[in-house]
């Protein structure tokens, strides 16, 4: 299929498809007129890229996962289960961090800034500073003292 057809069927812009090709996520054959032609399996590969992106998986990890798939046929349900299970731990960590952020949006997140009125209660003496930069109470499941 042409890049326009792939774009229309996948809902992904032609410029994004060209970017995916440059990144090694999909591949096209070239006609004698140097036009791209994508095999039908590319539609499924684009769907996998989109699913991975929606889950927040970095393109490098998506590319590595796609490299484990056969290039000449669509991925199977088993292939997808294998790929998605390899991303599960990362997604679980992200979900836990987001839930912690949601639960603490109005309290201290352990950054050591001492700018919130409650920091004197949750982070007396700026104890979070000893943990180094970052929101350690969220990133490492450390909890502020109550």
Protein backbone atom coordinates (compact mmCIF):
# COMPACT_ATOMS: atom_id res chain seq x y z
CA UNK A 1 0.00 0.00 0.00
CA UNK A 2 1.11 3.58 -0.54
CA UNK A 3 2.01 5.88 2.32
CA UNK A 4 -1.29 7.70 1.81
CA UNK A 5 -3.23 4.44 2.07
CA UNK A 6 -1.30 3.39 5.17
CA UNK A 7 -1.92 6.81 6.70
CA UNK A 8 -5.66 6.66 5.96
CA UNK A 9 -6.05 3.11 7.29
CA UNK A 10 -3.90 3.57 10.40
CA UNK A 11 -4.93 7.12 11.30
CA UNK A 12 -1.23 8.06 11.54
CA UNK A 13 0.03 11.00 9.51
CA UNK A 14 2.34 10.40 6.57
CA UNK A 15 5.05 12.46 8.27
CA UNK A 16 4.84 10.23 11.36
CA UNK A 17 5.06 7.14 9.14
CA UNK A 18 8.19 8.52 7.49
CA UNK A 19 9.60 9.19 10.97
CA UNK A 20 8.77 5.60 12.02
CA UNK A 21 10.60 4.38 8.93
CA UNK A 22 13.69 6.47 9.73
CA UNK A 23 13.59 5.07 13.27
CA UNK A 24 13.49 1.49 11.99
CA UNK A 25 9.98 0.78 13.30
CA UNK A 26 8.50 0.04 9.88
CA UNK A 27 10.00 -0.61 6.45
CA UNK A 28 8.92 0.18 2.91
CA UNK A 29 10.01 -1.12 -0.43
CA UNK A 30 10.69 1.41 -3.17
CA UNK A 31 9.22 1.40 -6.64
CA UNK A 32 11.26 2.22 -9.73
CA UNK A 33 9.95 5.77 -9.28
CA UNK A 34 11.29 5.77 -5.67
CA UNK A 35 7.81 5.73 -4.12
CA UNK A 36 7.24 3.90 -0.86
CA UNK A 37 5.18 0.73 -0.87
CA UNK A 38 4.31 -0.91 2.43
CA UNK A 39 3.35 -4.56 2.81
CA UNK A 40 0.02 -5.23 4.51
CA UNK A 41 1.73 -6.38 7.74
CA UNK A 42 2.90 -2.80 8.26
CA UNK A 43 -0.61 -1.81 9.34
CA UNK A 44 -0.37 -4.15 12.33
CA UNK A 45 3.15 -2.95 13.14
CA UNK A 46 1.94 0.67 13.15
CA UNK A 47 -0.86 -0.38 15.51
CA UNK A 48 1.74 -1.92 17.85
CA UNK A 49 3.79 1.29 17.74
CA UNK A 50 0.69 3.35 18.55
CA UNK A 51 -0.27 1.03 21.42
CA UNK A 52 3.25 1.21 22.84
CA UNK A 53 3.34 4.98 22.54
CA UNK A 54 -0.07 5.27 24.22
CA UNK A 55 1.32 3.19 27.09
CA UNK A 56 4.32 5.52 27.34
CA UNK A 57 6.86 2.96 26.12
CA UNK A 58 9.94 4.67 24.64
CA UNK A 59 10.41 4.22 20.89
CA UNK A 60 13.72 2.43 21.46
CA UNK A 61 11.94 -0.27 23.46
CA UNK A 62 9.16 -0.46 20.87
CA UNK A 63 11.76 -0.91 18.12
CA UNK A 64 13.51 -3.66 20.09
CA UNK A 65 10.18 -5.42 20.55
CA UNK A 66 9.29 -5.10 16.87
CA UNK A 67 12.66 -6.60 15.93
CA UNK A 68 11.54 -9.84 17.60
CA UNK A 69 8.55 -10.12 15.23
CA UNK A 70 8.60 -11.76 11.82
CA UNK A 71 8.97 -9.09 9.15
CA UNK A 72 6.90 -10.87 6.52
CA UNK A 73 3.70 -11.74 8.40
CA UNK A 74 1.40 -10.08 10.94
CA UNK A 75 2.18 -10.56 14.62
CA UNK A 76 0.04 -13.20 16.29
CA UNK A 77 -1.93 -12.96 19.50
CA UNK A 78 0.92 -14.84 21.20
CA UNK A 79 3.43 -12.29 19.85
CA UNK A 80 1.33 -9.45 21.27
CA UNK A 81 1.00 -11.19 24.65
CA UNK A 82 4.78 -11.61 24.80
CA UNK A 83 5.40 -7.96 23.90
CA UNK A 84 2.79 -6.57 26.25
CA UNK A 85 3.95 -8.73 29.16
CA UNK A 86 7.49 -7.42 28.69
CA UNK A 87 6.10 -3.90 29.17
CA UNK A 88 3.91 -4.79 32.16
CA UNK A 89 6.45 -4.10 34.95
CA UNK A 90 7.27 -0.67 33.55
CA UNK A 91 3.58 0.17 33.23
CA UNK A 92 2.89 -1.03 36.78
CA UNK A 93 5.66 1.28 38.09
CA UNK A 94 4.22 4.20 36.12
CA UNK A 95 0.71 3.52 37.41
CA UNK A 96 1.96 3.36 41.01
CA UNK A 97 3.80 6.66 40.59
CA UNK A 98 0.75 8.35 39.06
CA UNK A 99 -1.50 7.06 41.85
CA UNK A 100 0.97 8.38 44.43
CA UNK A 101 1.05 11.77 42.72
CA UNK A 102 -2.75 11.89 42.57
CA UNK A 103 -2.96 11.08 46.28
CA UNK A 104 -0.43 13.75 47.24
CA UNK A 105 -1.14 16.63 44.94
CA UNK A 106 -2.02 18.84 47.90
CA UNK A 107 0.75 17.67 50.23
CA UNK A 108 4.51 17.30 50.24
CA UNK A 109 6.05 15.12 47.54
CA UNK A 110 9.46 15.00 49.19
CA UNK A 111 11.34 17.36 46.92
CA UNK A 112 13.01 19.15 49.80
CA UNK A 113 11.76 22.57 48.69
CA UNK A 114 10.18 23.52 52.02
CA UNK A 115 7.83 25.80 50.10
CA UNK A 116 4.53 24.30 51.21
CA UNK A 117 3.10 25.15 54.62
CA UNK A 118 2.94 21.46 55.49
CA UNK A 119 6.61 20.79 54.70
CA UNK A 120 7.54 21.65 58.26
CA UNK A 121 5.32 18.76 59.33
CA UNK A 122 6.11 16.26 56.59
CA UNK A 123 9.77 17.09 56.01
CA UNK A 124 11.12 18.68 59.20
CA UNK A 125 14.65 19.98 58.89
CA UNK A 126 14.52 19.25 55.16
CA UNK A 127 15.31 15.56 55.71
CA UNK A 128 14.36 14.89 52.09
CA UNK A 129 17.45 16.83 50.97
CA UNK A 130 19.63 13.92 52.15
CA UNK A 131 17.89 11.70 49.60
CA UNK A 132 19.20 13.80 46.72
CA UNK A 133 17.30 15.59 43.95
CA UNK A 134 13.86 14.50 42.87
CA UNK A 135 10.52 13.60 44.37
CA UNK A 136 11.80 10.65 46.37
CA UNK A 137 8.63 10.04 48.34
CA UNK A 138 6.98 9.24 45.02
CA UNK A 139 9.78 7.71 42.99
CA UNK A 140 11.01 5.30 45.62
CA UNK A 141 7.84 4.78 47.64
CA UNK A 142 9.31 6.60 50.63
CA UNK A 143 6.62 8.14 52.74
CA UNK A 144 6.83 11.43 54.59
CA UNK A 145 6.75 11.25 58.35
CA UNK A 146 3.39 12.11 59.85
